[in-house]
Amino acid sequence: MTGITKEMTIGEILRANPAVAPVLLEAGMHCLGCPSAQGESLEEAAMVHGIDIDELMKAIEAL
């Protein structure tokens, strides 16, 4: 998927493509609507949740 970067916030990503939500949920990011989703980048969220950002980006790009 083009246009989604690890620097974007989860909120930005979901507004750009809501189909990413199941990928994030499956990866263990269950608070898609929480305030942190609006303020931290996907990379920061992945780090907090112990998720490999490169693997997560591959899953997003496979959509």
N, C-alpha and C. Protein backbone atom coordinates (compact mmCIF):
# COMPACT_ATOMS: atom_id res chain seq x y z
N MET A 1 0.84 -1.17 0.00
CA MET A 1 0.00 0.00 0.00
C MET A 1 0.88 1.23 0.00
N THR A 2 0.70 2.06 -0.94
CA THR A 2 1.48 3.28 -1.01
C THR A 2 0.84 4.36 -0.15
N GLY A 3 1.66 5.25 0.33
CA GLY A 3 1.16 6.38 1.09
C GLY A 3 1.14 6.19 2.59
N ILE A 4 1.27 4.97 3.09
CA ILE A 4 1.29 4.72 4.52
C ILE A 4 2.75 4.61 4.94
N THR A 5 3.12 5.41 5.94
CA THR A 5 4.49 5.38 6.43
C THR A 5 4.48 5.12 7.93
N LYS A 6 5.62 4.68 8.45
CA LYS A 6 5.72 4.42 9.89
C LYS A 6 5.77 5.70 10.70
N GLU A 7 5.94 6.84 10.02
CA GLU A 7 5.95 8.13 10.70
C GLU A 7 4.54 8.67 10.93
N MET A 8 3.55 8.12 10.22
CA MET A 8 2.17 8.57 10.36
C MET A 8 1.59 8.09 11.69
N THR A 9 0.63 8.85 12.23
CA THR A 9 -0.06 8.39 13.43
C THR A 9 -1.06 7.31 13.02
N ILE A 10 -1.46 6.52 13.98
CA ILE A 10 -2.46 5.48 13.70
C ILE A 10 -3.75 6.13 13.21
N GLY A 11 -4.10 7.25 13.81
CA GLY A 11 -5.30 7.97 13.37
C GLY A 11 -5.21 8.38 11.91
N GLU A 12 -4.07 8.90 11.50
CA GLU A 12 -3.87 9.30 10.10
C GLU A 12 -3.98 8.09 9.17
N ILE A 13 -3.40 6.99 9.60
CA ILE A 13 -3.42 5.78 8.79
C ILE A 13 -4.85 5.28 8.61
N LEU A 14 -5.61 5.26 9.70
CA LEU A 14 -6.98 4.77 9.63
C LEU A 14 -7.87 5.69 8.81
N ARG A 15 -7.61 6.98 8.85
CA ARG A 15 -8.38 7.90 8.00
C ARG A 15 -8.01 7.70 6.54
N ALA A 16 -6.75 7.41 6.27
CA ALA A 16 -6.31 7.20 4.89
C ALA A 16 -6.82 5.88 4.34
N ASN A 17 -6.86 4.84 5.20
CA ASN A 17 -7.31 3.52 4.75
C ASN A 17 -7.81 2.71 5.95
N PRO A 18 -9.12 2.73 6.19
CA PRO A 18 -9.68 1.99 7.32
C PRO A 18 -9.42 0.48 7.26
N ALA A 19 -9.08 -0.05 6.09
CA ALA A 19 -8.81 -1.48 5.95
C ALA A 19 -7.56 -1.91 6.69
N VAL A 20 -6.77 -0.96 7.16
CA VAL A 20 -5.56 -1.28 7.93
C VAL A 20 -5.91 -1.71 9.36
N ALA A 21 -7.09 -1.35 9.83
CA ALA A 21 -7.49 -1.64 11.22
C ALA A 21 -7.33 -3.12 11.58
N PRO A 22 -7.82 -4.07 10.78
CA PRO A 22 -7.64 -5.47 11.17
C PRO A 22 -6.18 -5.90 11.28
N VAL A 23 -5.32 -5.34 10.45
CA VAL A 23 -3.89 -5.66 10.51
C VAL A 23 -3.32 -5.19 11.84
N LEU A 24 -3.69 -3.98 12.24
CA LEU A 24 -3.20 -3.43 13.51
C LEU A 24 -3.74 -4.22 14.68
N LEU A 25 -5.02 -4.57 14.63
CA LEU A 25 -5.62 -5.36 15.71
C LEU A 25 -4.96 -6.72 15.83
N GLU A 26 -4.72 -7.36 14.70
CA GLU A 26 -4.08 -8.68 14.71
C GLU A 26 -2.66 -8.61 15.27
N ALA A 27 -2.00 -7.47 15.05
CA ALA A 27 -0.64 -7.28 15.56
C ALA A 27 -0.61 -7.01 17.06
N GLY A 28 -1.78 -6.72 17.65
CA GLY A 28 -1.83 -6.48 19.09
C GLY A 28 -2.09 -5.03 19.48
N MET A 29 -2.37 -4.19 18.50
CA MET A 29 -2.69 -2.79 18.78
C MET A 29 -4.20 -2.66 18.88
N HIS A 30 -4.72 -2.82 20.11
CA HIS A 30 -6.16 -2.86 20.31
C HIS A 30 -6.78 -1.52 20.68
N CYS A 31 -6.00 -0.50 20.85
CA CYS A 31 -6.56 0.80 21.26
C CYS A 31 -6.50 1.78 20.09
N LEU A 32 -7.12 1.40 18.99
CA LEU A 32 -7.05 2.23 17.79
C LEU A 32 -7.72 3.59 17.97
N GLY A 33 -8.67 3.68 18.88
CA GLY A 33 -9.36 4.94 19.09
C GLY A 33 -8.87 5.71 20.31
N CYS A 34 -7.86 5.21 20.98
CA CYS A 34 -7.38 5.89 22.18
C CYS A 34 -6.60 7.16 21.83
N PRO A 35 -6.45 8.06 22.78
CA PRO A 35 -5.74 9.31 22.49
C PRO A 35 -4.32 9.11 21.95
N SER A 36 -3.66 8.07 22.38
CA SER A 36 -2.30 7.83 21.88
C SER A 36 -2.29 7.57 20.38
N ALA A 37 -3.37 7.00 19.86
CA ALA A 37 -3.45 6.69 18.43
C ALA A 37 -3.45 7.97 17.60
N GLN A 38 -3.80 9.08 18.23
CA GLN A 38 -3.83 10.36 17.52
C GLN A 38 -2.52 11.13 17.66
N GLY A 39 -1.68 10.71 18.61
CA GLY A 39 -0.50 11.51 18.88
C GLY A 39 0.84 10.83 18.67
N GLU A 40 0.85 9.49 18.60
CA GLU A 40 2.13 8.83 18.41
C GLU A 40 2.18 8.16 17.05
N SER A 41 3.37 8.08 16.52
CA SER A 41 3.54 7.47 15.20
C SER A 41 3.34 5.96 15.28
N LEU A 42 3.12 5.36 14.13
CA LEU A 42 3.00 3.91 14.07
C LEU A 42 4.26 3.26 14.62
N GLU A 43 5.40 3.82 14.29
CA GLU A 43 6.67 3.27 14.77
C GLU A 43 6.76 3.34 16.29
N GLU A 44 6.34 4.45 16.87
CA GLU A 44 6.36 4.59 18.33
C GLU A 44 5.40 3.60 18.98
N ALA A 45 4.22 3.45 18.40
CA ALA A 45 3.23 2.51 18.93
C ALA A 45 3.75 1.09 18.85
N ALA A 46 4.39 0.75 17.75
CA ALA A 46 4.95 -0.59 17.59
C ALA A 46 6.00 -0.85 18.67
N MET A 47 6.83 0.14 18.94
CA MET A 47 7.86 -0.01 19.95
C MET A 47 7.23 -0.25 21.33
N VAL A 48 6.21 0.52 21.66
CA VAL A 48 5.53 0.39 22.95
C VAL A 48 4.91 -1.00 23.10
N HIS A 49 4.39 -1.53 22.00
CA HIS A 49 3.72 -2.83 22.03
C HIS A 49 4.65 -4.01 21.75
N GLY A 50 5.94 -3.72 21.53
CA GLY A 50 6.90 -4.79 21.28
C GLY A 50 6.71 -5.46 19.93
N ILE A 51 6.27 -4.68 18.94
CA ILE A 51 6.00 -5.19 17.60
C ILE A 51 7.11 -4.76 16.66
N ASP A 52 7.55 -5.68 15.82
CA ASP A 52 8.58 -5.37 14.81
C ASP A 52 7.96 -4.48 13.74
N ILE A 53 8.42 -3.23 13.65
CA ILE A 53 7.82 -2.26 12.73
C ILE A 53 7.99 -2.69 11.27
N ASP A 54 9.09 -3.33 10.95
CA ASP A 54 9.31 -3.75 9.56
C ASP A 54 8.31 -4.84 9.16
N GLU A 55 8.05 -5.77 10.06
CA GLU A 55 7.06 -6.82 9.79
C GLU A 55 5.65 -6.23 9.68
N LEU A 56 5.36 -5.27 10.55
CA LEU A 56 4.05 -4.62 10.52
C LEU A 56 3.88 -3.86 9.20
N MET A 57 4.90 -3.16 8.76
CA MET A 57 4.82 -2.42 7.50
C MET A 57 4.63 -3.38 6.33
N LYS A 58 5.27 -4.55 6.36
CA LYS A 58 5.07 -5.54 5.31
C LYS A 58 3.62 -5.99 5.26
N ALA A 59 3.02 -6.20 6.43
CA ALA A 59 1.61 -6.63 6.48
C ALA A 59 0.70 -5.53 5.94
N ILE A 60 0.99 -4.29 6.26
CA ILE A 60 0.18 -3.17 5.77
C ILE A 60 0.33 -3.03 4.27
N GLU A 61 1.55 -3.14 3.80
CA GLU A 61 1.82 -2.99 2.36
C GLU A 61 1.21 -4.13 1.54
N ALA A 62 0.95 -5.27 2.20
CA ALA A 62 0.37 -6.41 1.48
C ALA A 62 -1.14 -6.23 1.23
N LEU A 63 -1.74 -5.23 1.82
CA LEU A 63 -3.18 -5.00 1.61
C LEU A 63 -3.47 -4.64 0.17
